[in-house]
Amino acid sequence: MKKFLTFLLLAALTLSLVACGQSAPNDSNSNAAAGGGSEKGLIVVGFSQVGAESDWRTANSQSMKDTFTEANGYKLIFDDAQGKQDNQITAIRNFIQQEVDYIVVAPIGETGWDTVLQEAKDAGIPVIIVDRMINVAKDDLFYCWVGSDFRKEGDIAVEWMNKELAGKDAVKIVHLQGTIGSSAQIGRTEGLEAGAKANSNWEIVAQQTGEFTQAKGQEVMESILKQTTEIDVVYCENDNMAFGAIDAIEAAGMKAGVGGDIVVISFDATNAGLTMTLDQKINYNVECNPLHGPRVAKLIEQIEAGETPEKLAYVEEEAFDAKTITKEIVDARSY
């Protein structure tokens, strides 16, 4: 009997030790799900993306995914906000709860971020803003920003228009805006409106958002063409809206681009956009470079090394005229 009792005690002790031994891996796994990657020595990055409304946005997302890989020492938690700021705010709060190391946000609009970014700051998580700018009460609510100078992009397009349209008695302009309240829309709109104010012969005959999508750009342009065909220029705030506008122009029996009825101005200079520029359907295309993944990684490396990155980092960009662009330029465009 004593031997049997001793056997039972030993068996119970063995089971207890096995159970204790299993608890550590389970805890580790739950930590990986919550905060992710720390047991592998990975830097965990939570990225909230606007959506997938354009070729530019798709390239921007891919740049992040290609950069923040385990092979490069990162774990990426990617969230698609589907064009809704409320979804982005929820994603940021989830990132905070998951205890990520860095939060990266491509904001839908400029305002409405103070509360959630204060929560990130209180949690000690650096926030890096990419692409569009934000407007917050205190600059320390985000660590740094990297993106394009959208007002400068608009000014570059207007400078080209000043040269190309010089001598015309009247210039009637259709303006297809991007998502209202986004930095790209605000800057590119400011550029055009300043140009129209400075040129008394310029008239913006229609101004409406195409939401940065090809379908909406085509829909809006079709509607405008039903009201008037007296249009000299269509100023599209991204390539996809320009594609839609060109489809609408051609469907109306008119020609877009060089030597055509309507001059087409576009922004982004994606491969597809530059192809249309080479085909002379887009007259002028101002670059907006989406490859922010390596730029953000460089900022994180600086922070990890105890350095302080520049608060605002603007990307150097170009512009392309249909009369001078080459196939080599188009072929070299990776996005």
C-alpha atoms as a PDB file:
ATOM      1  CA  MET A   1       0.000   0.000   0.000  1.00  0.00           C
ATOM      2  CA  LYS A   2       2.806   2.397   0.896  1.00  0.00           C
ATOM      3  CA  LYS A   3       4.453   1.667  -2.428  1.00  0.00           C
ATOM      4  CA  PHE A   4       1.183   2.430  -4.206  1.00  0.00           C
ATOM      5  CA  LEU A   5       0.764   5.735  -2.325  1.00  0.00           C
ATOM      6  CA  THR A   6       4.347   6.673  -3.103  1.00  0.00           C
ATOM      7  CA  PHE A   7       3.658   5.941  -6.781  1.00  0.00           C
ATOM      8  CA  LEU A   8       0.575   8.198  -6.737  1.00  0.00           C
ATOM      9  CA  LEU A   9       2.513  11.050  -5.102  1.00  0.00           C
ATOM     10  CA  LEU A  10       5.297  10.779  -7.674  1.00  0.00           C
ATOM     11  CA  ALA A  11       2.757  10.724 -10.514  1.00  0.00           C
ATOM     12  CA  ALA A  12       0.992  13.811  -9.155  1.00  0.00           C
ATOM     13  CA  LEU A  13       4.314  15.634  -8.782  1.00  0.00           C
ATOM     14  CA  THR A  14       5.288  14.729 -12.349  1.00  0.00           C
ATOM     15  CA  LEU A  15       1.971  16.026 -13.713  1.00  0.00           C
ATOM     16  CA  SER A  16       2.405  19.234 -11.730  1.00  0.00           C
ATOM     17  CA  LEU A  17       5.880  19.785 -13.155  1.00  0.00           C
ATOM     18  CA  VAL A  18       4.667  19.120 -16.697  1.00  0.00           C
ATOM     19  CA  ALA A  19       1.821  21.606 -16.240  1.00  0.00           C
ATOM     20  CA  CYS A  20       4.242  24.234 -14.938  1.00  0.00           C
ATOM     21  CA  GLY A  21       6.573  23.564 -17.825  1.00  0.00           C
ATOM     22  CA  GLN A  22       3.769  24.142 -20.335  1.00  0.00           C
ATOM     23  CA  SER A  23       2.671  27.461 -18.873  1.00  0.00           C
ATOM     24  CA  ALA A  24       5.726  29.431 -19.999  1.00  0.00           C
ATOM     25  CA  PRO A  25       5.312  28.782 -23.736  1.00  0.00           C
ATOM     26  CA  ASN A  26       1.592  29.625 -23.489  1.00  0.00           C
ATOM     27  CA  ASP A  27       2.379  32.924 -21.778  1.00  0.00           C
ATOM     28  CA  SER A  28       4.999  33.660 -24.391  1.00  0.00           C
ATOM     29  CA  ASN A  29       2.534  33.002 -27.185  1.00  0.00           C
ATOM     30  CA  SER A  30      -0.065  35.304 -25.662  1.00  0.00           C
ATOM     31  CA  ASN A  31       2.539  38.047 -25.410  1.00  0.00           C
ATOM     32  CA  ALA A  32       3.424  37.559 -29.052  1.00  0.00           C
ATOM     33  CA  ALA A  33      -0.231  37.942 -29.991  1.00  0.00           C
ATOM     34  CA  ALA A  34      -0.653  41.017 -27.824  1.00  0.00           C
ATOM     35  CA  GLY A  35       2.571  42.896 -28.397  1.00  0.00           C
ATOM     36  CA  GLY A  36       4.219  40.672 -30.941  1.00  0.00           C
ATOM     37  CA  GLY A  37       7.727  39.696 -31.733  1.00  0.00           C
ATOM     38  CA  SER A  38       9.672  40.756 -28.675  1.00  0.00           C
ATOM     39  CA  GLU A  39      10.653  37.169 -27.864  1.00  0.00           C
ATOM     40  CA  LYS A  40      12.321  37.057 -31.293  1.00  0.00           C
ATOM     41  CA  GLY A  41      14.038  40.405 -30.839  1.00  0.00           C
ATOM     42  CA  LEU A  42      11.827  42.007 -33.477  1.00  0.00           C
ATOM     43  CA  ILE A  43      10.714  45.642 -33.530  1.00  0.00           C
ATOM     44  CA  VAL A  44       6.924  45.666 -33.744  1.00  0.00           C
ATOM     45  CA  VAL A  45       5.377  48.301 -36.007  1.00  0.00           C
ATOM     46  CA  GLY A  46       1.652  48.972 -36.199  1.00  0.00           C
ATOM     47  CA  PHE A  47       0.737  50.689 -39.475  1.00  0.00           C
ATOM     48  CA  SER A  48      -2.664  52.252 -40.129  1.00  0.00           C
ATOM     49  CA  GLN A  49      -3.168  52.798 -43.868  1.00  0.00           C
ATOM     50  CA  VAL A  50      -5.843  54.983 -45.471  1.00  0.00           C
ATOM     51  CA  GLY A  51      -7.101  52.229 -47.770  1.00  0.00           C
ATOM     52  CA  ALA A  52      -6.478  51.109 -51.344  1.00  0.00           C
ATOM     53  CA  GLU A  53      -8.149  53.857 -53.343  1.00  0.00           C
ATOM     54  CA  SER A  54      -5.381  54.386 -55.892  1.00  0.00           C
ATOM     55  CA  ASP A  55      -2.276  52.958 -57.541  1.00  0.00           C
ATOM     56  CA  TRP A  56      -0.239  55.317 -55.362  1.00  0.00           C
ATOM     57  CA  ARG A  57      -1.782  53.934 -52.166  1.00  0.00           C
ATOM     58  CA  THR A  58      -1.197  50.338 -53.251  1.00  0.00           C
ATOM     59  CA  ALA A  59       2.481  51.111 -53.881  1.00  0.00           C
ATOM     60  CA  ASN A  60       2.725  52.862 -50.516  1.00  0.00           C
ATOM     61  CA  SER A  61       1.310  49.822 -48.701  1.00  0.00           C
ATOM     62  CA  GLN A  62       3.619  47.445 -50.551  1.00  0.00           C
ATOM     63  CA  SER A  63       6.634  49.575 -49.663  1.00  0.00           C
ATOM     64  CA  MET A  64       5.765  49.184 -45.974  1.00  0.00           C
ATOM     65  CA  LYS A  65       5.188  45.454 -46.277  1.00  0.00           C
ATOM     66  CA  ASP A  66       8.453  44.932 -48.165  1.00  0.00           C
ATOM     67  CA  THR A  67      10.413  46.923 -45.585  1.00  0.00           C
ATOM     68  CA  PHE A  68       9.012  45.756 -42.244  1.00  0.00           C
ATOM     69  CA  THR A  69       9.748  42.045 -42.520  1.00  0.00           C
ATOM     70  CA  GLU A  70      11.172  39.557 -40.026  1.00  0.00           C
ATOM     71  CA  ALA A  71      14.249  39.278 -42.249  1.00  0.00           C
ATOM     72  CA  ASN A  72      14.813  42.996 -41.632  1.00  0.00           C
ATOM     73  CA  GLY A  73      14.207  42.681 -37.881  1.00  0.00           C
ATOM     74  CA  TYR A  74      10.576  43.803 -37.771  1.00  0.00           C
ATOM     75  CA  LYS A  75       7.085  42.510 -37.223  1.00  0.00           C
ATOM     76  CA  LEU A  76       4.432  44.527 -39.085  1.00  0.00           C
ATOM     77  CA  ILE A  77       0.812  44.745 -37.964  1.00  0.00           C
ATOM     78  CA  PHE A  78      -0.971  46.213 -40.995  1.00  0.00           C
ATOM     79  CA  ASP A  79      -4.436  47.761 -40.780  1.00  0.00           C
ATOM     80  CA  ASP A  80      -6.493  48.970 -43.771  1.00  0.00           C
ATOM     81  CA  ALA A  81      -8.858  51.732 -42.615  1.00  0.00           C
ATOM     82  CA  GLN A  82     -10.962  51.496 -45.791  1.00  0.00           C
ATOM     83  CA  GLY A  83     -11.118  55.268 -46.048  1.00  0.00           C
ATOM     84  CA  LYS A  84     -12.647  55.832 -42.601  1.00  0.00           C
ATOM     85  CA  GLN A  85     -10.896  57.869 -39.933  1.00  0.00           C
ATOM     86  CA  ASP A  86     -12.873  56.147 -37.174  1.00  0.00           C
ATOM     87  CA  ASN A  87     -11.280  52.882 -38.294  1.00  0.00           C
ATOM     88  CA  GLN A  88      -7.843  54.458 -38.018  1.00  0.00           C
ATOM     89  CA  ILE A  89      -8.508  55.694 -34.510  1.00  0.00           C
ATOM     90  CA  THR A  90      -9.692  52.210 -33.512  1.00  0.00           C
ATOM     91  CA  ALA A  91      -6.565  50.692 -35.080  1.00  0.00           C
ATOM     92  CA  ILE A  92      -4.283  53.044 -33.144  1.00  0.00           C
ATOM     93  CA  ARG A  93      -6.017  52.117 -29.887  1.00  0.00           C
ATOM     94  CA  ASN A  94      -5.579  48.437 -30.747  1.00  0.00           C
ATOM     95  CA  PHE A  95      -1.876  49.046 -31.410  1.00  0.00           C
ATOM     96  CA  ILE A  96      -1.573  50.699 -27.987  1.00  0.00           C
ATOM     97  CA  GLN A  97      -3.309  47.733 -26.349  1.00  0.00           C
ATOM     98  CA  GLN A  98      -0.980  45.362 -28.205  1.00  0.00           C
ATOM     99  CA  GLU A  99       2.016  47.331 -26.882  1.00  0.00           C
ATOM    100  CA  VAL A 100       3.678  47.765 -30.258  1.00  0.00           C
ATOM    101  CA  ASP A 101       7.050  49.511 -30.363  1.00  0.00           C
ATOM    102  CA  TYR A 102       6.078  52.107 -32.994  1.00  0.00           C
ATOM    103  CA  ILE A 103       2.856  53.355 -34.499  1.00  0.00           C
ATOM    104  CA  VAL A 104       2.907  54.578 -38.110  1.00  0.00           C
ATOM    105  CA  VAL A 105      -0.114  56.405 -39.528  1.00  0.00           C
ATOM    106  CA  ALA A 106      -0.987  57.569 -43.038  1.00  0.00           C
ATOM    107  CA  PRO A 107      -3.847  59.844 -41.934  1.00  0.00           C
ATOM    108  CA  ILE A 108      -7.066  60.185 -43.897  1.00  0.00           C
ATOM    109  CA  GLY A 109      -7.603  63.807 -42.828  1.00  0.00           C
ATOM    110  CA  GLU A 110      -5.578  66.429 -40.982  1.00  0.00           C
ATOM    111  CA  THR A 111      -7.778  66.969 -37.913  1.00  0.00           C
ATOM    112  CA  GLY A 112      -9.284  64.846 -35.144  1.00  0.00           C
ATOM    113  CA  TRP A 113      -6.105  63.152 -33.886  1.00  0.00           C
ATOM    114  CA  ASP A 114      -5.326  64.882 -30.579  1.00  0.00           C
ATOM    115  CA  THR A 115      -7.089  62.491 -28.200  1.00  0.00           C
ATOM    116  CA  VAL A 116      -5.865  59.187 -29.621  1.00  0.00           C
ATOM    117  CA  LEU A 117      -2.307  60.434 -30.150  1.00  0.00           C
ATOM    118  CA  GLN A 118      -2.250  61.639 -26.539  1.00  0.00           C
ATOM    119  CA  GLU A 119      -3.167  58.078 -25.565  1.00  0.00           C
ATOM    120  CA  ALA A 120      -0.213  56.774 -27.587  1.00  0.00           C
ATOM    121  CA  LYS A 121       2.081  59.340 -26.003  1.00  0.00           C
ATOM    122  CA  ASP A 122       0.882  58.374 -22.515  1.00  0.00           C
ATOM    123  CA  ALA A 123       1.666  54.756 -23.385  1.00  0.00           C
ATOM    124  CA  GLY A 124       5.203  55.760 -24.395  1.00  0.00           C
ATOM    125  CA  ILE A 125       4.818  54.658 -28.017  1.00  0.00           C
ATOM    126  CA  PRO A 126       6.410  56.929 -30.669  1.00  0.00           C
ATOM    127  CA  VAL A 127       4.068  57.846 -33.522  1.00  0.00           C
ATOM    128  CA  ILE A 128       5.437  58.465 -37.020  1.00  0.00           C
ATOM    129  CA  ILE A 129       3.184  60.173 -39.564  1.00  0.00           C
ATOM    130  CA  VAL A 130       3.636  59.404 -43.270  1.00  0.00           C
ATOM    131  CA  ASP A 131       2.292  60.934 -46.477  1.00  0.00           C
ATOM    132  CA  ARG A 132      -0.407  63.355 -45.319  1.00  0.00           C
ATOM    133  CA  MET A 133       0.172  65.857 -42.531  1.00  0.00           C
ATOM    134  CA  ILE A 134      -1.906  66.227 -39.360  1.00  0.00           C
ATOM    135  CA  ASN A 135      -3.015  69.309 -37.473  1.00  0.00           C
ATOM    136  CA  VAL A 136      -2.714  68.824 -33.704  1.00  0.00           C
ATOM    137  CA  ALA A 137      -2.652  71.188 -30.734  1.00  0.00           C
ATOM    138  CA  LYS A 138       0.798  70.007 -29.605  1.00  0.00           C
ATOM    139  CA  ASP A 139       3.607  68.954 -31.934  1.00  0.00           C
ATOM    140  CA  ASP A 140       4.911  66.427 -29.427  1.00  0.00           C
ATOM    141  CA  LEU A 141       1.860  64.223 -30.023  1.00  0.00           C
ATOM    142  CA  PHE A 142       3.770  62.736 -32.969  1.00  0.00           C
ATOM    143  CA  TYR A 143       7.488  62.018 -33.149  1.00  0.00           C
ATOM    144  CA  CYS A 144       8.161  62.933 -36.779  1.00  0.00           C
ATOM    145  CA  TRP A 145       6.650  63.062 -40.257  1.00  0.00           C
ATOM    146  CA  VAL A 146       7.847  62.109 -43.742  1.00  0.00           C
ATOM    147  CA  GLY A 147       6.074  62.908 -46.999  1.00  0.00           C
ATOM    148  CA  SER A 148       5.590  65.325 -49.876  1.00  0.00           C
ATOM    149  CA  ASP A 149       5.211  69.098 -50.014  1.00  0.00           C
ATOM    150  CA  PHE A 150       1.755  69.143 -51.572  1.00  0.00           C
ATOM    151  CA  ARG A 151       1.507  72.913 -51.892  1.00  0.00           C
ATOM    152  CA  LYS A 152       4.826  72.901 -53.734  1.00  0.00           C
ATOM    153  CA  GLU A 153       3.440  70.208 -56.060  1.00  0.00           C
ATOM    154  CA  GLY A 154       0.474  72.448 -56.835  1.00  0.00           C
ATOM    155  CA  ASP A 155       2.744  75.428 -57.433  1.00  0.00           C
ATOM    156  CA  ILE A 156       4.890  73.380 -59.842  1.00  0.00           C
ATOM    157  CA  ALA A 157       1.803  72.450 -61.868  1.00  0.00           C
ATOM    158  CA  VAL A 158       0.623  76.075 -61.923  1.00  0.00           C
ATOM    159  CA  GLU A 159       4.061  77.274 -63.027  1.00  0.00           C
ATOM    160  CA  TRP A 160       3.837  74.905 -66.010  1.00  0.00           C
ATOM    161  CA  MET A 161       0.310  76.118 -66.777  1.00  0.00           C
ATOM    162  CA  ASN A 162       1.509  79.728 -66.707  1.00  0.00           C
ATOM    163  CA  LYS A 163       4.057  78.956 -69.430  1.00  0.00           C
ATOM    164  CA  GLU A 164       1.913  76.578 -71.487  1.00  0.00           C
ATOM    165  CA  LEU A 165      -1.260  78.689 -71.459  1.00  0.00           C
ATOM    166  CA  ALA A 166       0.383  82.098 -71.815  1.00  0.00           C
ATOM    167  CA  GLY A 167      -1.383  84.336 -74.322  1.00  0.00           C
ATOM    168  CA  LYS A 168      -4.814  82.680 -74.074  1.00  0.00           C
ATOM    169  CA  ASP A 169      -7.630  85.167 -73.584  1.00  0.00           C
ATOM    170  CA  ALA A 170      -9.566  82.829 -71.291  1.00  0.00           C
ATOM    171  CA  VAL A 171      -8.670  79.581 -69.535  1.00  0.00           C
ATOM    172  CA  LYS A 172     -11.604  77.538 -68.228  1.00  0.00           C
ATOM    173  CA  ILE A 173     -10.499  74.960 -65.666  1.00  0.00           C
ATOM    174  CA  VAL A 174     -12.253  71.899 -64.235  1.00  0.00           C
ATOM    175  CA  HIS A 175     -10.784  70.952 -60.877  1.00  0.00           C
ATOM    176  CA  LEU A 176     -11.091  67.340 -59.684  1.00  0.00           C
ATOM    177  CA  GLN A 177     -10.118  67.362 -56.018  1.00  0.00           C
ATOM    178  CA  GLY A 178      -8.932  64.472 -53.900  1.00  0.00           C
ATOM    179  CA  THR A 179     -10.409  63.422 -50.559  1.00  0.00           C
ATOM    180  CA  ILE A 180     -11.541  66.668 -48.946  1.00  0.00           C
ATOM    181  CA  GLY A 181      -9.501  67.526 -45.868  1.00  0.00           C
ATOM    182  CA  SER A 182      -6.470  65.422 -46.818  1.00  0.00           C
ATOM    183  CA  SER A 183      -3.115  67.175 -47.042  1.00  0.00           C
ATOM    184  CA  ALA A 184      -2.718  66.322 -50.734  1.00  0.00           C
ATOM    185  CA  GLN A 185      -6.106  67.866 -51.519  1.00  0.00           C
ATOM    186  CA  ILE A 186      -5.449  70.947 -49.429  1.00  0.00           C
ATOM    187  CA  GLY A 187      -1.973  71.662 -50.842  1.00  0.00           C
ATOM    188  CA  ARG A 188      -2.778  70.972 -54.495  1.00  0.00           C
ATOM    189  CA  THR A 189      -6.015  72.961 -54.234  1.00  0.00           C
ATOM    190  CA  GLU A 190      -4.203  75.906 -52.657  1.00  0.00           C
ATOM    191  CA  GLY A 191      -1.702  75.870 -55.519  1.00  0.00           C
ATOM    192  CA  LEU A 192      -4.395  75.993 -58.206  1.00  0.00           C
ATOM    193  CA  GLU A 193      -6.517  78.581 -56.435  1.00  0.00           C
ATOM    194  CA  ALA A 194      -3.497  80.837 -55.971  1.00  0.00           C
ATOM    195  CA  GLY A 195      -2.747  80.470 -59.690  1.00  0.00           C
ATOM    196  CA  ALA A 196      -6.322  81.372 -60.619  1.00  0.00           C
ATOM    197  CA  LYS A 197      -6.217  84.387 -58.320  1.00  0.00           C
ATOM    198  CA  ALA A 198      -2.972  85.571 -59.919  1.00  0.00           C
ATOM    199  CA  ASN A 199      -4.318  85.148 -63.482  1.00  0.00           C
ATOM    200  CA  SER A 200      -7.456  87.172 -64.151  1.00  0.00           C
ATOM    201  CA  ASN A 201      -8.129  85.183 -67.338  1.00  0.00           C
ATOM    202  CA  TRP A 202      -8.270  81.848 -65.470  1.00  0.00           C
ATOM    203  CA  GLU A 203     -11.673  80.626 -64.315  1.00  0.00           C
ATOM    204  CA  ILE A 204     -12.349  77.483 -62.286  1.00  0.00           C
ATOM    205  CA  VAL A 205     -15.699  76.543 -63.838  1.00  0.00           C
ATOM    206  CA  ALA A 206     -16.196  73.381 -61.764  1.00  0.00           C
ATOM    207  CA  GLN A 207     -14.592  72.116 -58.570  1.00  0.00           C
ATOM    208  CA  GLN A 208     -15.637  68.771 -57.136  1.00  0.00           C
ATOM    209  CA  THR A 209     -14.061  65.829 -55.343  1.00  0.00           C
ATOM    210  CA  GLY A 210     -13.322  62.630 -57.217  1.00  0.00           C
ATOM    211  CA  GLU A 211     -12.127  61.044 -53.938  1.00  0.00           C
ATOM    212  CA  PHE A 212      -8.808  60.015 -55.531  1.00  0.00           C
ATOM    213  CA  THR A 213     -10.518  57.134 -57.407  1.00  0.00           C
ATOM    214  CA  GLN A 214     -10.783  56.450 -61.127  1.00  0.00           C
ATOM    215  CA  ALA A 215     -14.478  55.561 -60.980  1.00  0.00           C
ATOM    216  CA  LYS A 216     -15.441  58.729 -59.123  1.00  0.00           C
ATOM    217  CA  GLY A 217     -13.189  60.862 -61.309  1.00  0.00           C
ATOM    218  CA  GLN A 218     -14.937  59.525 -64.414  1.00  0.00           C
ATOM    219  CA  GLU A 219     -18.394  59.967 -62.872  1.00  0.00           C
ATOM    220  CA  VAL A 220     -17.729  63.600 -61.904  1.00  0.00           C
ATOM    221  CA  MET A 221     -16.165  64.458 -65.272  1.00  0.00           C
ATOM    222  CA  GLU A 222     -19.077  62.902 -67.157  1.00  0.00           C
ATOM    223  CA  SER A 223     -21.490  65.019 -65.125  1.00  0.00           C
ATOM    224  CA  ILE A 224     -19.537  68.208 -65.794  1.00  0.00           C
ATOM    225  CA  LEU A 225     -19.301  67.505 -69.540  1.00  0.00           C
ATOM    226  CA  LYS A 226     -23.092  67.223 -69.696  1.00  0.00           C
ATOM    227  CA  GLN A 227     -23.269  70.787 -68.383  1.00  0.00           C
ATOM    228  CA  THR A 228     -20.470  72.295 -70.491  1.00  0.00           C
ATOM    229  CA  THR A 229     -17.812  71.298 -73.003  1.00  0.00           C
ATOM    230  CA  GLU A 230     -16.159  74.725 -72.872  1.00  0.00           C
ATOM    231  CA  ILE A 231     -13.202  73.388 -70.896  1.00  0.00           C
ATOM    232  CA  ASP A 232      -9.534  74.143 -71.536  1.00  0.00           C
ATOM    233  CA  VAL A 233      -7.898  72.303 -68.624  1.00  0.00           C
ATOM    234  CA  VAL A 234      -8.807  69.512 -66.233  1.00  0.00           C
ATOM    235  CA  TYR A 235      -6.627  69.661 -63.122  1.00  0.00           C
ATOM    236  CA  CYS A 236      -6.745  66.217 -61.482  1.00  0.00           C
ATOM    237  CA  GLU A 237      -5.238  65.801 -58.035  1.00  0.00           C
ATOM    238  CA  ASN A 238      -4.034  62.259 -58.755  1.00  0.00           C
ATOM    239  CA  ASP A 239      -3.412  59.841 -61.622  1.00  0.00           C
ATOM    240  CA  ASN A 240      -6.453  57.658 -61.035  1.00  0.00           C
ATOM    241  CA  MET A 241      -8.852  60.583 -61.279  1.00  0.00           C
ATOM    242  CA  ALA A 242      -7.017  61.663 -64.435  1.00  0.00           C
ATOM    243  CA  PHE A 243      -7.607  58.202 -65.956  1.00  0.00           C
ATOM    244  CA  GLY A 244     -11.309  58.521 -65.184  1.00  0.00           C
ATOM    245  CA  ALA A 245     -11.473  62.056 -66.565  1.00  0.00           C
ATOM    246  CA  ILE A 246      -9.757  60.990 -69.804  1.00  0.00           C
ATOM    247  CA  ASP A 247     -12.229  58.121 -70.226  1.00  0.00           C
ATOM    248  CA  ALA A 248     -15.102  60.598 -69.810  1.00  0.00           C
ATOM    249  CA  ILE A 249     -13.569  63.082 -72.255  1.00  0.00           C
ATOM    250  CA  GLU A 250     -13.047  60.415 -74.904  1.00  0.00           C
ATOM    251  CA  ALA A 251     -16.544  59.012 -74.354  1.00  0.00           C
ATOM    252  CA  ALA A 252     -17.864  62.512 -75.078  1.00  0.00           C
ATOM    253  CA  GLY A 253     -16.115  62.458 -78.460  1.00  0.00           C
ATOM    254  CA  MET A 254     -13.323  64.813 -77.437  1.00  0.00           C
ATOM    255  CA  LYS A 255      -9.554  64.400 -77.257  1.00  0.00           C
ATOM    256  CA  ALA A 256      -7.515  64.741 -74.070  1.00  0.00           C
ATOM    257  CA  GLY A 257      -3.860  65.706 -73.890  1.00  0.00           C
ATOM    258  CA  VAL A 258      -1.289  67.093 -76.289  1.00  0.00           C
ATOM    259  CA  GLY A 259      -2.915  68.588 -79.378  1.00  0.00           C
ATOM    260  CA  GLY A 260      -6.359  67.767 -78.003  1.00  0.00           C
ATOM    261  CA  ASP A 261      -9.401  69.646 -76.808  1.00  0.00           C
ATOM    262  CA  ILE A 262      -8.569  69.564 -73.076  1.00  0.00           C
ATOM    263  CA  VAL A 263      -5.198  69.847 -71.338  1.00  0.00           C
ATOM    264  CA  VAL A 264      -4.832  67.253 -68.557  1.00  0.00           C
ATOM    265  CA  ILE A 265      -2.781  67.961 -65.431  1.00  0.00           C
ATOM    266  CA  SER A 266      -2.134  65.108 -63.004  1.00  0.00           C
ATOM    267  CA  PHE A 267      -0.237  64.244 -59.840  1.00  0.00           C
ATOM    268  CA  ASP A 268       1.550  61.110 -58.532  1.00  0.00           C
ATOM    269  CA  ALA A 269       3.526  60.072 -61.648  1.00  0.00           C
ATOM    270  CA  THR A 270       2.936  56.365 -61.118  1.00  0.00           C
ATOM    271  CA  ASN A 271       4.079  54.001 -63.847  1.00  0.00           C
ATOM    272  CA  ALA A 272       0.550  53.958 -65.270  1.00  0.00           C
ATOM    273  CA  GLY A 273       0.369  57.745 -65.014  1.00  0.00           C
ATOM    274  CA  LEU A 274       3.708  58.228 -66.738  1.00  0.00           C
ATOM    275  CA  THR A 275       2.641  55.777 -69.446  1.00  0.00           C
ATOM    276  CA  MET A 276      -0.372  58.000 -70.134  1.00  0.00           C
ATOM    277  CA  THR A 277       1.995  60.988 -70.136  1.00  0.00           C
ATOM    278  CA  LEU A 278       4.259  59.243 -72.650  1.00  0.00           C
ATOM    279  CA  ASP A 279       1.147  58.533 -74.740  1.00  0.00           C
ATOM    280  CA  GLN A 280       0.470  62.295 -74.513  1.00  0.00           C
ATOM    281  CA  LYS A 281      -2.991  61.879 -72.967  1.00  0.00           C
ATOM    282  CA  ILE A 282      -1.701  63.559 -69.795  1.00  0.00           C
ATOM    283  CA  ASN A 283       0.112  66.819 -70.575  1.00  0.00           C
ATOM    284  CA  TYR A 284       1.932  67.271 -67.276  1.00  0.00           C
ATOM    285  CA  ASN A 285       2.400  64.955 -64.315  1.00  0.00           C
ATOM    286  CA  VAL A 286       3.867  66.009 -60.960  1.00  0.00           C
ATOM    287  CA  GLU A 287       5.551  63.269 -58.940  1.00  0.00           C
ATOM    288  CA  CYS A 288       4.445  62.203 -55.467  1.00  0.00           C
ATOM    289  CA  ASN A 289       6.731  59.390 -54.334  1.00  0.00           C
ATOM    290  CA  PRO A 290       4.962  56.647 -52.305  1.00  0.00           C
ATOM    291  CA  LEU A 291       7.968  54.532 -51.301  1.00  0.00           C
ATOM    292  CA  HIS A 292       8.011  55.555 -47.652  1.00  0.00           C
ATOM    293  CA  GLY A 293       8.869  52.155 -46.135  1.00  0.00           C
ATOM    294  CA  PRO A 294      12.671  52.591 -46.183  1.00  0.00           C
ATOM    295  CA  ARG A 295      12.290  56.214 -45.065  1.00  0.00           C
ATOM    296  CA  VAL A 296      10.270  55.200 -42.014  1.00  0.00           C
ATOM    297  CA  ALA A 297      12.735  52.394 -41.234  1.00  0.00           C
ATOM    298  CA  LYS A 298      15.559  54.935 -41.273  1.00  0.00           C
ATOM    299  CA  LEU A 299      13.664  57.114 -38.793  1.00  0.00           C
ATOM    300  CA  ILE A 300      13.116  54.132 -36.499  1.00  0.00           C
ATOM    301  CA  GLU A 301      16.817  53.242 -36.704  1.00  0.00           C
ATOM    302  CA  GLN A 302      17.689  56.786 -35.623  1.00  0.00           C
ATOM    303  CA  ILE A 303      15.281  56.647 -32.692  1.00  0.00           C
ATOM    304  CA  GLU A 304      16.589  53.219 -31.649  1.00  0.00           C
ATOM    305  CA  ALA A 305      20.120  54.631 -31.715  1.00  0.00           C
ATOM    306  CA  GLY A 306      19.089  57.441 -29.353  1.00  0.00           C
ATOM    307  CA  GLU A 307      19.149  60.085 -32.097  1.00  0.00           C
ATOM    308  CA  THR A 308      16.451  62.671 -32.779  1.00  0.00           C
ATOM    309  CA  PRO A 309      15.247  62.652 -36.396  1.00  0.00           C
ATOM    310  CA  GLU A 310      14.131  65.824 -38.157  1.00  0.00           C
ATOM    311  CA  LYS A 311      10.561  66.666 -37.222  1.00  0.00           C
ATOM    312  CA  LEU A 312       9.530  67.108 -40.863  1.00  0.00           C
ATOM    313  CA  ALA A 313      11.270  65.329 -43.753  1.00  0.00           C
ATOM    314  CA  TYR A 314      10.179  66.297 -47.273  1.00  0.00           C
ATOM    315  CA  VAL A 315      10.760  63.965 -50.215  1.00  0.00           C
ATOM    316  CA  GLU A 316      12.550  65.271 -53.313  1.00  0.00           C
ATOM    317  CA  GLU A 317      10.330  64.912 -56.382  1.00  0.00           C
ATOM    318  CA  GLU A 318      10.179  65.680 -60.115  1.00  0.00           C
ATOM    319  CA  ALA A 319       7.617  66.616 -62.763  1.00  0.00           C
ATOM    320  CA  PHE A 320       7.192  65.253 -66.287  1.00  0.00           C
ATOM    321  CA  ASP A 321       6.069  66.968 -69.502  1.00  0.00           C
ATOM    322  CA  ALA A 322       4.451  64.828 -72.214  1.00  0.00           C
ATOM    323  CA  LYS A 323       6.600  66.560 -74.819  1.00  0.00           C
ATOM    324  CA  THR A 324       9.892  65.595 -73.195  1.00  0.00           C
ATOM    325  CA  ILE A 325       9.310  62.381 -71.211  1.00  0.00           C
ATOM    326  CA  THR A 326      11.073  59.249 -72.487  1.00  0.00           C
ATOM    327  CA  LYS A 327      10.257  55.545 -72.399  1.00  0.00           C
ATOM    328  CA  GLU A 328      13.382  55.017 -70.285  1.00  0.00           C
ATOM    329  CA  ILE A 329      11.887  57.234 -67.567  1.00  0.00           C
ATOM    330  CA  VAL A 330       8.638  55.291 -67.629  1.00  0.00           C
ATOM    331  CA  ASP A 331      10.374  51.885 -67.593  1.00  0.00           C
ATOM    332  CA  ALA A 332      12.461  52.959 -64.607  1.00  0.00           C
ATOM    333  CA  ARG A 333       9.354  53.709 -62.520  1.00  0.00           C
ATOM    334  CA  SER A 334       8.899  50.797 -60.118  1.00  0.00           C
ATOM    335  CA  TYR A 335       5.391  51.651 -58.923  1.00  0.00           C
END
